[in-house]
Amino acid sequence: MAQTRPVTIPSSEYLEVGPRRSRRARVRNLALIAGRNKLGAIGLVLVVIVLFTALFSPFLQRYDDARVFQTANPNFNPTASPIEIAANPGIGSPTILDRWERPFTSKHWFGTDQYGRDIYARIVVGARLAVIIGIGASAIAVLIGTAVGLISAYFGGKIDLVTQRFVDSIQAFPGLVLLMLIVSVRDQPSLTLTVLALGFLGFASSVRIVRSSVLSVSQSMYVEAARSYGAGHARLMLRHILPNILAAVVVIFSISIGLYILAEASLSFLGLGPADQTTWGKMVNSGRFAIDLHPWESLFSGAAITLAVLGFNLAGDALRDEMDPRLRGR
């Protein structure tokens, strides 16, 4: 009987099988998710565009956002008398502002505003600030809300009662009025104050959602089993409860980003946004005075706000659907 010889596979080829399969599997899973939730895929594309623009804004903005474009005045007369200048003001200045230039030109893709500043550059710079505020405020709200909601639901009793009444008192105030009150403590609100104010205002909603998730998880059998084995409070909260509510926390974080971007735009529109910073809300407000004849500044900045908020909301909804088996494939 002939003996069969074992077939050896080179180690380099063998090691490449796993990564190749895992990459194919990840791509296949992403394709399935995109096909199952087309709106979520659109939202993810919008989020990637906004984040890419914010991250690489110094390379994408083309011009400084505060640069004022001017051209030489062909009618300038340096020897003109005050009477001549009064009769023809155009001869008194050596330069003319390139204000309200039309968009879609090689020099100014989105045109210029009333001060001769490039609108495209200001949109790109505003994207960076919008992402900083949205992610920063959402992180503050979710971190504080998760900690407070976890402690409140786990211990219950008087701690839960006092915590929830405090949350009720915050939510009893109209959100925009409370936000305006907080940022008005300084004559010129800073970026840090805006992020902190938005995070403080939003943490109440995070507490509510986290608390309901903790109340559901804390009654599970594995939590009771860990408690019966003598696990302490810290171990129960951090090792058995918190990991099982992370899906809800991630969804809150992703959906809240768009809300905070919209809230900051509202503040900036009212003149209470970060001082000396280019924001989309300020651009909408600045462009509204000439919106009938020169709508480009308000139009492009408003579109940027809409697409950013829509993208984060759609991506957050898709993330929620994928993390909740009851909603998957709905």
C-alpha atoms as a PDB file:
ATOM      1  CA  MET A   1       0.000   0.000   0.000  1.00  0.00           C
ATOM      2  CA  ALA A   2       1.455   3.307  -1.043  1.00  0.00           C
ATOM      3  CA  GLN A   3       2.075   5.828   1.675  1.00  0.00           C
ATOM      4  CA  THR A   4       0.612   9.319   1.251  1.00  0.00           C
ATOM      5  CA  ARG A   5       2.927  12.191   1.912  1.00  0.00           C
ATOM      6  CA  PRO A   6       1.582  15.202   3.797  1.00  0.00           C
ATOM      7  CA  VAL A   7       1.209  18.383   1.783  1.00  0.00           C
ATOM      8  CA  THR A   8       2.873  21.395   3.357  1.00  0.00           C
ATOM      9  CA  ILE A   9       1.646  24.926   2.799  1.00  0.00           C
ATOM     10  CA  PRO A  10       4.111  27.789   2.944  1.00  0.00           C
ATOM     11  CA  SER A  11       3.665  29.811   6.091  1.00  0.00           C
ATOM     12  CA  SER A  12       3.373  33.125   4.229  1.00  0.00           C
ATOM     13  CA  GLU A  13       0.406  31.871   2.194  1.00  0.00           C
ATOM     14  CA  TYR A  14      -1.191  30.288   5.242  1.00  0.00           C
ATOM     15  CA  LEU A  15      -1.000  33.447   7.300  1.00  0.00           C
ATOM     16  CA  GLU A  16      -2.679  35.523   4.601  1.00  0.00           C
ATOM     17  CA  VAL A  17      -5.845  33.428   4.545  1.00  0.00           C
ATOM     18  CA  GLY A  18      -7.226  34.790   7.833  1.00  0.00           C
ATOM     19  CA  PRO A  19      -6.736  38.506   7.168  1.00  0.00           C
ATOM     20  CA  ARG A  20      -8.039  38.173   3.631  1.00  0.00           C
ATOM     21  CA  ARG A  21     -11.161  36.399   4.817  1.00  0.00           C
ATOM     22  CA  SER A  22     -11.687  38.893   7.638  1.00  0.00           C
ATOM     23  CA  ARG A  23     -11.333  41.824   5.241  1.00  0.00           C
ATOM     24  CA  ARG A  24     -13.775  40.242   2.823  1.00  0.00           C
ATOM     25  CA  ALA A  25     -16.169  39.567   5.686  1.00  0.00           C
ATOM     26  CA  ARG A  26     -15.988  43.162   6.901  1.00  0.00           C
ATOM     27  CA  VAL A  27     -16.585  44.528   3.411  1.00  0.00           C
ATOM     28  CA  ARG A  28     -19.463  42.088   2.934  1.00  0.00           C
ATOM     29  CA  ASN A  29     -21.006  43.097   6.266  1.00  0.00           C
ATOM     30  CA  LEU A  30     -20.716  46.794   5.425  1.00  0.00           C
ATOM     31  CA  ALA A  31     -22.347  46.174   2.054  1.00  0.00           C
ATOM     32  CA  LEU A  32     -25.200  44.260   3.715  1.00  0.00           C
ATOM     33  CA  ILE A  33     -25.726  47.026   6.282  1.00  0.00           C
ATOM     34  CA  ALA A  34     -25.672  49.703   3.571  1.00  0.00           C
ATOM     35  CA  GLY A  35     -28.168  47.750   1.492  1.00  0.00           C
ATOM     36  CA  ARG A  36     -30.404  47.199   4.502  1.00  0.00           C
ATOM     37  CA  ASN A  37     -30.307  50.822   5.639  1.00  0.00           C
ATOM     38  CA  LYS A  38     -29.791  53.113   2.667  1.00  0.00           C
ATOM     39  CA  LEU A  39     -30.571  56.281   4.630  1.00  0.00           C
ATOM     40  CA  GLY A  40     -27.947  55.294   7.180  1.00  0.00           C
ATOM     41  CA  ALA A  41     -25.396  54.836   4.407  1.00  0.00           C
ATOM     42  CA  ILE A  42     -26.199  58.321   3.096  1.00  0.00           C
ATOM     43  CA  GLY A  43     -25.839  59.712   6.603  1.00  0.00           C
ATOM     44  CA  LEU A  44     -22.479  58.003   7.037  1.00  0.00           C
ATOM     45  CA  VAL A  45     -21.215  59.511   3.781  1.00  0.00           C
ATOM     46  CA  LEU A  46     -22.280  62.988   4.942  1.00  0.00           C
ATOM     47  CA  VAL A  47     -20.601  62.467   8.322  1.00  0.00           C
ATOM     48  CA  VAL A  48     -17.365  61.374   6.650  1.00  0.00           C
ATOM     49  CA  ILE A  49     -17.428  64.469   4.425  1.00  0.00           C
ATOM     50  CA  VAL A  50     -17.989  66.796   7.399  1.00  0.00           C
ATOM     51  CA  LEU A  51     -15.282  65.138   9.495  1.00  0.00           C
ATOM     52  CA  PHE A  52     -12.839  65.108   6.592  1.00  0.00           C
ATOM     53  CA  THR A  53     -13.472  68.804   5.940  1.00  0.00           C
ATOM     54  CA  ALA A  54     -13.015  69.664   9.609  1.00  0.00           C
ATOM     55  CA  LEU A  55      -9.870  67.584   9.998  1.00  0.00           C
ATOM     56  CA  PHE A  56      -8.132  68.875   6.870  1.00  0.00           C
ATOM     57  CA  SER A  57      -9.581  72.388   6.849  1.00  0.00           C
ATOM     58  CA  PRO A  58      -6.136  74.100   6.870  1.00  0.00           C
ATOM     59  CA  PHE A  59      -5.384  72.378   3.542  1.00  0.00           C
ATOM     60  CA  LEU A  60      -8.871  72.742   2.031  1.00  0.00           C
ATOM     61  CA  GLN A  61      -9.817  76.333   2.824  1.00  0.00           C
ATOM     62  CA  ARG A  62      -7.632  77.920   0.053  1.00  0.00           C
ATOM     63  CA  TYR A  63      -7.634  81.349   1.714  1.00  0.00           C
ATOM     64  CA  ASP A  64      -7.610  82.698   5.243  1.00  0.00           C
ATOM     65  CA  ASP A  65     -11.204  83.049   6.418  1.00  0.00           C
ATOM     66  CA  ALA A  66     -10.579  86.654   7.578  1.00  0.00           C
ATOM     67  CA  ARG A  67      -8.824  87.796   4.395  1.00  0.00           C
ATOM     68  CA  VAL A  68     -10.481  90.749   2.690  1.00  0.00           C
ATOM     69  CA  PHE A  69     -10.180  90.709  -1.100  1.00  0.00           C
ATOM     70  CA  GLN A  70      -9.659  94.043  -2.823  1.00  0.00           C
ATOM     71  CA  THR A  71      -8.838  95.304  -6.304  1.00  0.00           C
ATOM     72  CA  ALA A  72      -7.179  98.514  -7.397  1.00  0.00           C
ATOM     73  CA  ASN A  73      -9.546 101.390  -8.048  1.00  0.00           C
ATOM     74  CA  PRO A  74      -9.011 102.660 -11.629  1.00  0.00           C
ATOM     75  CA  ASN A  75     -10.859 105.892 -10.793  1.00  0.00           C
ATOM     76  CA  PHE A  76      -8.747 106.746  -7.760  1.00  0.00           C
ATOM     77  CA  ASN A  77      -7.570 110.358  -7.755  1.00  0.00           C
ATOM     78  CA  PRO A  78      -5.021 111.055  -5.014  1.00  0.00           C
ATOM     79  CA  THR A  79      -5.220 114.804  -5.649  1.00  0.00           C
ATOM     80  CA  ALA A  80      -9.005 115.022  -5.492  1.00  0.00           C
ATOM     81  CA  SER A  81     -10.421 117.757  -3.319  1.00  0.00           C
ATOM     82  CA  PRO A  82     -13.053 117.114  -0.608  1.00  0.00           C
ATOM     83  CA  ILE A  83     -15.669 118.667  -2.893  1.00  0.00           C
ATOM     84  CA  GLU A  84     -14.792 116.262  -5.721  1.00  0.00           C
ATOM     85  CA  ILE A  85     -14.845 113.277  -3.370  1.00  0.00           C
ATOM     86  CA  ALA A  86     -18.239 114.350  -2.063  1.00  0.00           C
ATOM     87  CA  ALA A  87     -19.542 114.527  -5.612  1.00  0.00           C
ATOM     88  CA  ASN A  88     -17.940 111.200  -6.618  1.00  0.00           C
ATOM     89  CA  PRO A  89     -17.014 109.009  -3.592  1.00  0.00           C
ATOM     90  CA  GLY A  90     -15.527 106.367  -5.880  1.00  0.00           C
ATOM     91  CA  ILE A  91     -12.405 108.449  -6.516  1.00  0.00           C
ATOM     92  CA  GLY A  92     -11.414 108.749  -2.864  1.00  0.00           C
ATOM     93  CA  SER A  93     -10.223 105.185  -2.214  1.00  0.00           C
ATOM     94  CA  PRO A  94      -7.221 103.464  -3.847  1.00  0.00           C
ATOM     95  CA  THR A  95      -8.907 100.028  -3.612  1.00  0.00           C
ATOM     96  CA  ILE A  96     -12.385  98.580  -4.011  1.00  0.00           C
ATOM     97  CA  LEU A  97     -13.732  95.706  -1.908  1.00  0.00           C
ATOM     98  CA  ASP A  98     -14.564  92.567  -3.896  1.00  0.00           C
ATOM     99  CA  ARG A  99     -17.880  92.328  -2.098  1.00  0.00           C
ATOM    100  CA  TRP A 100     -20.725  90.060  -3.156  1.00  0.00           C
ATOM    101  CA  GLU A 101     -18.777  88.354  -5.911  1.00  0.00           C
ATOM    102  CA  ARG A 102     -20.830  85.681  -7.649  1.00  0.00           C
ATOM    103  CA  PRO A 103     -20.069  82.017  -6.875  1.00  0.00           C
ATOM    104  CA  PHE A 104     -18.753  79.237  -9.107  1.00  0.00           C
ATOM    105  CA  THR A 105     -15.729  81.149 -10.338  1.00  0.00           C
ATOM    106  CA  SER A 106     -12.155  79.907 -10.298  1.00  0.00           C
ATOM    107  CA  LYS A 107     -11.130  82.471  -7.688  1.00  0.00           C
ATOM    108  CA  HIS A 108     -14.157  82.298  -5.382  1.00  0.00           C
ATOM    109  CA  TRP A 109     -15.983  78.981  -5.547  1.00  0.00           C
ATOM    110  CA  PHE A 110     -18.845  80.155  -3.319  1.00  0.00           C
ATOM    111  CA  GLY A 111     -18.499  83.890  -3.943  1.00  0.00           C
ATOM    112  CA  THR A 112     -17.655  86.584  -1.366  1.00  0.00           C
ATOM    113  CA  ASP A 113     -19.618  88.231   1.432  1.00  0.00           C
ATOM    114  CA  GLN A 114     -20.337  91.909   2.058  1.00  0.00           C
ATOM    115  CA  TYR A 115     -16.822  92.449   3.447  1.00  0.00           C
ATOM    116  CA  GLY A 116     -15.053  90.784   0.528  1.00  0.00           C
ATOM    117  CA  ARG A 117     -14.233  87.557   2.377  1.00  0.00           C
ATOM    118  CA  ASP A 118     -14.255  84.201   0.614  1.00  0.00           C
ATOM    119  CA  ILE A 119     -17.405  82.266   1.562  1.00  0.00           C
ATOM    120  CA  TYR A 120     -15.919  78.846   0.734  1.00  0.00           C
ATOM    121  CA  ALA A 121     -13.001  79.421   3.119  1.00  0.00           C
ATOM    122  CA  ARG A 122     -15.383  80.477   5.874  1.00  0.00           C
ATOM    123  CA  ILE A 123     -17.583  77.409   5.299  1.00  0.00           C
ATOM    124  CA  VAL A 124     -14.572  75.103   5.651  1.00  0.00           C
ATOM    125  CA  VAL A 125     -13.325  76.855   8.807  1.00  0.00           C
ATOM    126  CA  GLY A 126     -16.854  76.776  10.219  1.00  0.00           C
ATOM    127  CA  ALA A 127     -16.939  73.004   9.725  1.00  0.00           C
ATOM    128  CA  ARG A 128     -13.994  72.601  12.084  1.00  0.00           C
ATOM    129  CA  LEU A 129     -15.679  74.657  14.775  1.00  0.00           C
ATOM    130  CA  ALA A 130     -19.002  72.840  14.304  1.00  0.00           C
ATOM    131  CA  VAL A 131     -17.344  69.439  14.747  1.00  0.00           C
ATOM    132  CA  ILE A 132     -15.398  70.600  17.822  1.00  0.00           C
ATOM    133  CA  ILE A 133     -18.549  71.943  19.448  1.00  0.00           C
ATOM    134  CA  GLY A 134     -20.744  69.012  18.451  1.00  0.00           C
ATOM    135  CA  ILE A 135     -18.352  66.265  19.567  1.00  0.00           C
ATOM    136  CA  GLY A 136     -17.123  68.180  22.636  1.00  0.00           C
ATOM    137  CA  ALA A 137     -20.590  69.002  23.962  1.00  0.00           C
ATOM    138  CA  SER A 138     -21.861  65.504  23.221  1.00  0.00           C
ATOM    139  CA  ALA A 139     -18.895  63.926  25.018  1.00  0.00           C
ATOM    140  CA  ILE A 140     -19.457  66.091  28.110  1.00  0.00           C
ATOM    141  CA  ALA A 141     -23.199  65.415  28.174  1.00  0.00           C
ATOM    142  CA  VAL A 142     -22.809  61.663  27.672  1.00  0.00           C
ATOM    143  CA  LEU A 143     -19.953  61.185  30.165  1.00  0.00           C
ATOM    144  CA  ILE A 144     -21.659  63.132  32.947  1.00  0.00           C
ATOM    145  CA  GLY A 145     -25.083  61.746  32.080  1.00  0.00           C
ATOM    146  CA  THR A 146     -23.808  58.162  32.063  1.00  0.00           C
ATOM    147  CA  ALA A 147     -22.116  58.534  35.457  1.00  0.00           C
ATOM    148  CA  VAL A 148     -25.099  60.261  37.078  1.00  0.00           C
ATOM    149  CA  GLY A 149     -27.687  57.968  35.490  1.00  0.00           C
ATOM    150  CA  LEU A 150     -25.743  54.837  36.450  1.00  0.00           C
ATOM    151  CA  ILE A 151     -25.386  55.868  40.087  1.00  0.00           C
ATOM    152  CA  SER A 152     -28.959  57.127  40.326  1.00  0.00           C
ATOM    153  CA  ALA A 153     -30.557  53.966  38.923  1.00  0.00           C
ATOM    154  CA  TYR A 154     -28.253  51.536  40.712  1.00  0.00           C
ATOM    155  CA  PHE A 155     -28.649  52.882  44.244  1.00  0.00           C
ATOM    156  CA  GLY A 156     -32.215  54.154  43.879  1.00  0.00           C
ATOM    157  CA  GLY A 157     -34.011  55.469  46.950  1.00  0.00           C
ATOM    158  CA  LYS A 158     -33.233  59.020  48.049  1.00  0.00           C
ATOM    159  CA  ILE A 159     -30.248  59.303  45.703  1.00  0.00           C
ATOM    160  CA  ASP A 160     -32.452  58.546  42.720  1.00  0.00           C
ATOM    161  CA  LEU A 161     -35.197  60.862  43.990  1.00  0.00           C
ATOM    162  CA  VAL A 162     -32.888  63.856  44.478  1.00  0.00           C
ATOM    163  CA  THR A 163     -31.105  63.253  41.185  1.00  0.00           C
ATOM    164  CA  GLN A 164     -34.279  63.012  39.154  1.00  0.00           C
ATOM    165  CA  ARG A 165     -35.771  66.142  40.724  1.00  0.00           C
ATOM    166  CA  PHE A 166     -32.583  68.009  39.786  1.00  0.00           C
ATOM    167  CA  VAL A 167     -32.870  66.715  36.232  1.00  0.00           C
ATOM    168  CA  ASP A 168     -36.530  67.753  36.174  1.00  0.00           C
ATOM    169  CA  SER A 169     -35.602  71.281  37.256  1.00  0.00           C
ATOM    170  CA  ILE A 170     -33.132  71.578  34.369  1.00  0.00           C
ATOM    171  CA  GLN A 171     -35.585  70.260  31.798  1.00  0.00           C
ATOM    172  CA  ALA A 172     -38.351  72.546  33.109  1.00  0.00           C
ATOM    173  CA  PHE A 173     -36.572  75.587  31.631  1.00  0.00           C
ATOM    174  CA  PRO A 174     -36.908  76.242  27.896  1.00  0.00           C
ATOM    175  CA  GLY A 175     -33.681  74.918  26.423  1.00  0.00           C
ATOM    176  CA  LEU A 176     -32.738  77.886  24.266  1.00  0.00           C
ATOM    177  CA  VAL A 177     -33.557  80.413  27.021  1.00  0.00           C
ATOM    178  CA  LEU A 178     -31.420  78.527  29.549  1.00  0.00           C
ATOM    179  CA  LEU A 179     -28.598  78.248  27.028  1.00  0.00           C
ATOM    180  CA  MET A 180     -28.719  81.986  26.303  1.00  0.00           C
ATOM    181  CA  LEU A 181     -28.676  82.698  30.036  1.00  0.00           C
ATOM    182  CA  ILE A 182     -25.569  80.569  30.565  1.00  0.00           C
ATOM    183  CA  VAL A 183     -23.519  81.991  27.705  1.00  0.00           C
ATOM    184  CA  SER A 184     -24.541  85.549  28.598  1.00  0.00           C
ATOM    185  CA  VAL A 185     -22.500  85.502  31.822  1.00  0.00           C
ATOM    186  CA  ARG A 186     -19.608  86.854  29.735  1.00  0.00           C
ATOM    187  CA  ASP A 187     -19.637  89.770  27.328  1.00  0.00           C
ATOM    188  CA  GLN A 188     -17.913  87.690  24.664  1.00  0.00           C
ATOM    189  CA  PRO A 189     -18.682  83.959  24.956  1.00  0.00           C
ATOM    190  CA  SER A 190     -15.688  81.732  24.296  1.00  0.00           C
ATOM    191  CA  LEU A 191     -15.550  78.396  22.538  1.00  0.00           C
ATOM    192  CA  THR A 192     -14.972  76.619  25.858  1.00  0.00           C
ATOM    193  CA  LEU A 193     -17.975  78.285  27.490  1.00  0.00           C
ATOM    194  CA  THR A 194     -20.199  77.369  24.531  1.00  0.00           C
ATOM    195  CA  VAL A 195     -19.159  73.702  24.682  1.00  0.00           C
ATOM    196  CA  LEU A 196     -19.647  73.534  28.459  1.00  0.00           C
ATOM    197  CA  ALA A 197     -23.036  75.234  28.280  1.00  0.00           C
ATOM    198  CA  LEU A 198     -24.291  72.878  25.578  1.00  0.00           C
ATOM    199  CA  GLY A 199     -22.929  69.853  27.439  1.00  0.00           C
ATOM    200  CA  PHE A 200     -24.589  70.934  30.688  1.00  0.00           C
ATOM    201  CA  LEU A 201     -27.900  71.505  28.959  1.00  0.00           C
ATOM    202  CA  GLY A 202     -27.831  68.115  27.260  1.00  0.00           C
ATOM    203  CA  PHE A 203     -26.696  65.919  30.123  1.00  0.00           C
ATOM    204  CA  ALA A 204     -30.231  65.794  31.571  1.00  0.00           C
ATOM    205  CA  SER A 205     -31.541  63.851  28.570  1.00  0.00           C
ATOM    206  CA  SER A 206     -28.574  61.478  28.786  1.00  0.00           C
ATOM    207  CA  VAL A 207     -29.342  60.825  32.457  1.00  0.00           C
ATOM    208  CA  ARG A 208     -32.907  59.836  31.602  1.00  0.00           C
ATOM    209  CA  ILE A 209     -31.935  57.379  28.880  1.00  0.00           C
ATOM    210  CA  VAL A 210     -29.039  55.832  30.816  1.00  0.00           C
ATOM    211  CA  ARG A 211     -31.168  55.491  33.930  1.00  0.00           C
ATOM    212  CA  SER A 212     -33.867  53.543  32.086  1.00  0.00           C
ATOM    213  CA  SER A 213     -31.229  51.260  30.538  1.00  0.00           C
ATOM    214  CA  VAL A 214     -29.586  50.618  33.913  1.00  0.00           C
ATOM    215  CA  LEU A 215     -32.942  49.818  35.551  1.00  0.00           C
ATOM    216  CA  SER A 216     -33.545  47.193  32.870  1.00  0.00           C
ATOM    217  CA  VAL A 217     -30.063  45.651  33.006  1.00  0.00           C
ATOM    218  CA  SER A 218     -29.765  45.645  36.817  1.00  0.00           C
ATOM    219  CA  GLN A 219     -32.650  43.151  37.038  1.00  0.00           C
ATOM    220  CA  SER A 220     -30.883  40.638  34.793  1.00  0.00           C
ATOM    221  CA  MET A 221     -29.944  37.187  36.056  1.00  0.00           C
ATOM    222  CA  TYR A 222     -26.195  37.642  35.572  1.00  0.00           C
ATOM    223  CA  VAL A 223     -26.247  40.776  37.745  1.00  0.00           C
ATOM    224  CA  GLU A 224     -28.124  38.913  40.461  1.00  0.00           C
ATOM    225  CA  ALA A 225     -25.676  36.028  40.168  1.00  0.00           C
ATOM    226  CA  ALA A 226     -22.692  38.360  40.520  1.00  0.00           C
ATOM    227  CA  ARG A 227     -24.322  40.000  43.525  1.00  0.00           C
ATOM    228  CA  SER A 228     -24.931  36.626  45.147  1.00  0.00           C
ATOM    229  CA  TYR A 229     -21.229  35.807  44.753  1.00  0.00           C
ATOM    230  CA  GLY A 230     -20.364  38.879  46.782  1.00  0.00           C
ATOM    231  CA  ALA A 231     -19.458  41.384  44.056  1.00  0.00           C
ATOM    232  CA  GLY A 232     -19.255  44.933  45.370  1.00  0.00           C
ATOM    233  CA  HIS A 233     -21.088  47.962  44.087  1.00  0.00           C
ATOM    234  CA  ALA A 234     -18.182  49.250  41.999  1.00  0.00           C
ATOM    235  CA  ARG A 235     -17.623  45.857  40.367  1.00  0.00           C
ATOM    236  CA  LEU A 236     -21.306  45.402  39.613  1.00  0.00           C
ATOM    237  CA  MET A 237     -21.616  48.838  38.035  1.00  0.00           C
ATOM    238  CA  LEU A 238     -18.353  48.848  36.072  1.00  0.00           C
ATOM    239  CA  ARG A 239     -17.998  45.179  35.092  1.00  0.00           C
ATOM    240  CA  HIS A 240     -21.571  43.910  34.749  1.00  0.00           C
ATOM    241  CA  ILE A 241     -23.910  46.859  34.113  1.00  0.00           C
ATOM    242  CA  LEU A 242     -21.899  49.509  32.268  1.00  0.00           C
ATOM    243  CA  PRO A 243     -20.635  47.238  29.438  1.00  0.00           C
ATOM    244  CA  ASN A 244     -24.224  46.168  28.730  1.00  0.00           C
ATOM    245  CA  ILE A 245     -25.529  49.718  28.322  1.00  0.00           C
ATOM    246  CA  LEU A 246     -22.655  50.945  26.128  1.00  0.00           C
ATOM    247  CA  ALA A 247     -24.762  50.456  23.000  1.00  0.00           C
ATOM    248  CA  ALA A 248     -27.306  52.987  24.276  1.00  0.00           C
ATOM    249  CA  VAL A 249     -24.493  55.362  25.289  1.00  0.00           C
ATOM    250  CA  VAL A 250     -22.896  55.193  21.825  1.00  0.00           C
ATOM    251  CA  VAL A 251     -26.242  55.885  20.161  1.00  0.00           C
ATOM    252  CA  ILE A 252     -26.886  58.890  22.441  1.00  0.00           C
ATOM    253  CA  PHE A 253     -23.437  60.261  21.645  1.00  0.00           C
ATOM    254  CA  SER A 254     -23.794  59.916  17.867  1.00  0.00           C
ATOM    255  CA  ILE A 255     -27.296  61.374  17.638  1.00  0.00           C
ATOM    256  CA  SER A 256     -26.535  64.274  20.002  1.00  0.00           C
ATOM    257  CA  ILE A 257     -23.706  65.649  17.836  1.00  0.00           C
ATOM    258  CA  GLY A 258     -26.100  66.953  15.198  1.00  0.00           C
ATOM    259  CA  LEU A 259     -28.336  68.489  17.853  1.00  0.00           C
ATOM    260  CA  TYR A 260     -25.451  70.416  19.389  1.00  0.00           C
ATOM    261  CA  ILE A 261     -24.296  71.653  15.995  1.00  0.00           C
ATOM    262  CA  LEU A 262     -27.794  73.000  15.406  1.00  0.00           C
ATOM    263  CA  ALA A 263     -27.941  74.534  18.898  1.00  0.00           C
ATOM    264  CA  GLU A 264     -24.610  76.310  18.384  1.00  0.00           C
ATOM    265  CA  ALA A 265     -25.806  77.624  15.025  1.00  0.00           C
ATOM    266  CA  SER A 266     -28.890  79.042  16.753  1.00  0.00           C
ATOM    267  CA  LEU A 267     -26.727  80.757  19.366  1.00  0.00           C
ATOM    268  CA  SER A 268     -24.393  82.199  16.736  1.00  0.00           C
ATOM    269  CA  PHE A 269     -27.361  83.417  14.699  1.00  0.00           C
ATOM    270  CA  LEU A 270     -28.542  85.333  17.769  1.00  0.00           C
ATOM    271  CA  GLY A 271     -25.077  86.791  18.307  1.00  0.00           C
ATOM    272  CA  LEU A 272     -24.224  84.624  21.335  1.00  0.00           C
ATOM    273  CA  GLY A 273     -21.821  82.188  19.685  1.00  0.00           C
ATOM    274  CA  PRO A 274     -18.062  82.010  20.216  1.00  0.00           C
ATOM    275  CA  ALA A 275     -16.593  85.488  19.772  1.00  0.00           C
ATOM    276  CA  ASP A 276     -14.037  86.117  17.014  1.00  0.00           C
ATOM    277  CA  GLN A 277     -14.747  82.707  15.475  1.00  0.00           C
ATOM    278  CA  THR A 278     -16.180  81.884  12.062  1.00  0.00           C
ATOM    279  CA  THR A 279     -19.344  79.843  12.535  1.00  0.00           C
ATOM    280  CA  TRP A 280     -22.100  78.779  10.190  1.00  0.00           C
ATOM    281  CA  GLY A 281     -24.755  80.461  12.334  1.00  0.00           C
ATOM    282  CA  LYS A 282     -22.967  83.810  12.123  1.00  0.00           C
ATOM    283  CA  MET A 283     -22.747  83.445   8.343  1.00  0.00           C
ATOM    284  CA  VAL A 284     -26.491  82.819   8.060  1.00  0.00           C
ATOM    285  CA  ASN A 285     -27.152  85.898  10.162  1.00  0.00           C
ATOM    286  CA  SER A 286     -24.655  88.031   8.232  1.00  0.00           C
ATOM    287  CA  GLY A 287     -26.054  87.057   4.859  1.00  0.00           C
ATOM    288  CA  ARG A 288     -29.713  87.602   5.685  1.00  0.00           C
ATOM    289  CA  PHE A 289     -29.433  91.391   5.319  1.00  0.00           C
ATOM    290  CA  ALA A 290     -28.850  91.062   1.570  1.00  0.00           C
ATOM    291  CA  ILE A 291     -30.537  87.707   1.012  1.00  0.00           C
ATOM    292  CA  ASP A 292     -32.866  89.083  -1.662  1.00  0.00           C
ATOM    293  CA  LEU A 293     -30.035  90.181  -3.967  1.00  0.00           C
ATOM    294  CA  HIS A 294     -27.028  88.185  -2.713  1.00  0.00           C
ATOM    295  CA  PRO A 295     -28.287  84.975  -1.067  1.00  0.00           C
ATOM    296  CA  TRP A 296     -25.077  82.974  -1.426  1.00  0.00           C
ATOM    297  CA  GLU A 297     -23.669  83.368   2.095  1.00  0.00           C
ATOM    298  CA  SER A 298     -26.894  82.398   3.866  1.00  0.00           C
ATOM    299  CA  LEU A 299     -27.643  79.703   1.285  1.00  0.00           C
ATOM    300  CA  PHE A 300     -24.305  77.891   1.497  1.00  0.00           C
ATOM    301  CA  SER A 301     -23.924  78.188   5.284  1.00  0.00           C
ATOM    302  CA  GLY A 302     -27.525  77.061   5.816  1.00  0.00           C
ATOM    303  CA  ALA A 303     -26.942  74.105   3.505  1.00  0.00           C
ATOM    304  CA  ALA A 304     -23.812  73.183   5.481  1.00  0.00           C
ATOM    305  CA  ILE A 305     -25.792  73.174   8.748  1.00  0.00           C
ATOM    306  CA  THR A 306     -28.581  71.121   7.186  1.00  0.00           C
ATOM    307  CA  LEU A 307     -26.292  68.477   5.682  1.00  0.00           C
ATOM    308  CA  ALA A 308     -24.199  68.130   8.851  1.00  0.00           C
ATOM    309  CA  VAL A 309     -27.211  67.739  11.142  1.00  0.00           C
ATOM    310  CA  LEU A 310     -28.951  65.411   8.683  1.00  0.00           C
ATOM    311  CA  GLY A 311     -25.837  63.261   8.336  1.00  0.00           C
ATOM    312  CA  PHE A 312     -25.300  62.788  12.062  1.00  0.00           C
ATOM    313  CA  ASN A 313     -29.001  62.118  12.666  1.00  0.00           C
ATOM    314  CA  LEU A 314     -29.256  59.516   9.905  1.00  0.00           C
ATOM    315  CA  ALA A 315     -26.014  57.835  10.975  1.00  0.00           C
ATOM    316  CA  GLY A 316     -27.143  57.804  14.608  1.00  0.00           C
ATOM    317  CA  ASP A 317     -30.508  56.281  13.705  1.00  0.00           C
ATOM    318  CA  ALA A 318     -28.798  53.609  11.612  1.00  0.00           C
ATOM    319  CA  LEU A 319     -26.400  52.841  14.453  1.00  0.00           C
ATOM    320  CA  ARG A 320     -29.323  52.465  16.834  1.00  0.00           C
ATOM    321  CA  ASP A 321     -31.105  50.109  14.443  1.00  0.00           C
ATOM    322  CA  GLU A 322     -28.013  47.936  13.999  1.00  0.00           C
ATOM    323  CA  MET A 323     -27.295  47.728  17.741  1.00  0.00           C
ATOM    324  CA  ASP A 324     -30.890  46.855  18.628  1.00  0.00           C
ATOM    325  CA  PRO A 325     -31.891  43.436  17.197  1.00  0.00           C
ATOM    326  CA  ARG A 326     -35.569  44.363  17.519  1.00  0.00           C
ATOM    327  CA  LEU A 327     -35.114  47.255  15.058  1.00  0.00           C
ATOM    328  CA  ARG A 328     -32.680  45.565  12.657  1.00  0.00           C
ATOM    329  CA  GLY A 329     -34.110  45.087   9.201  1.00  0.00           C
ATOM    330  CA  ARG A 330     -37.215  47.052  10.091  1.00  0.00           C
END
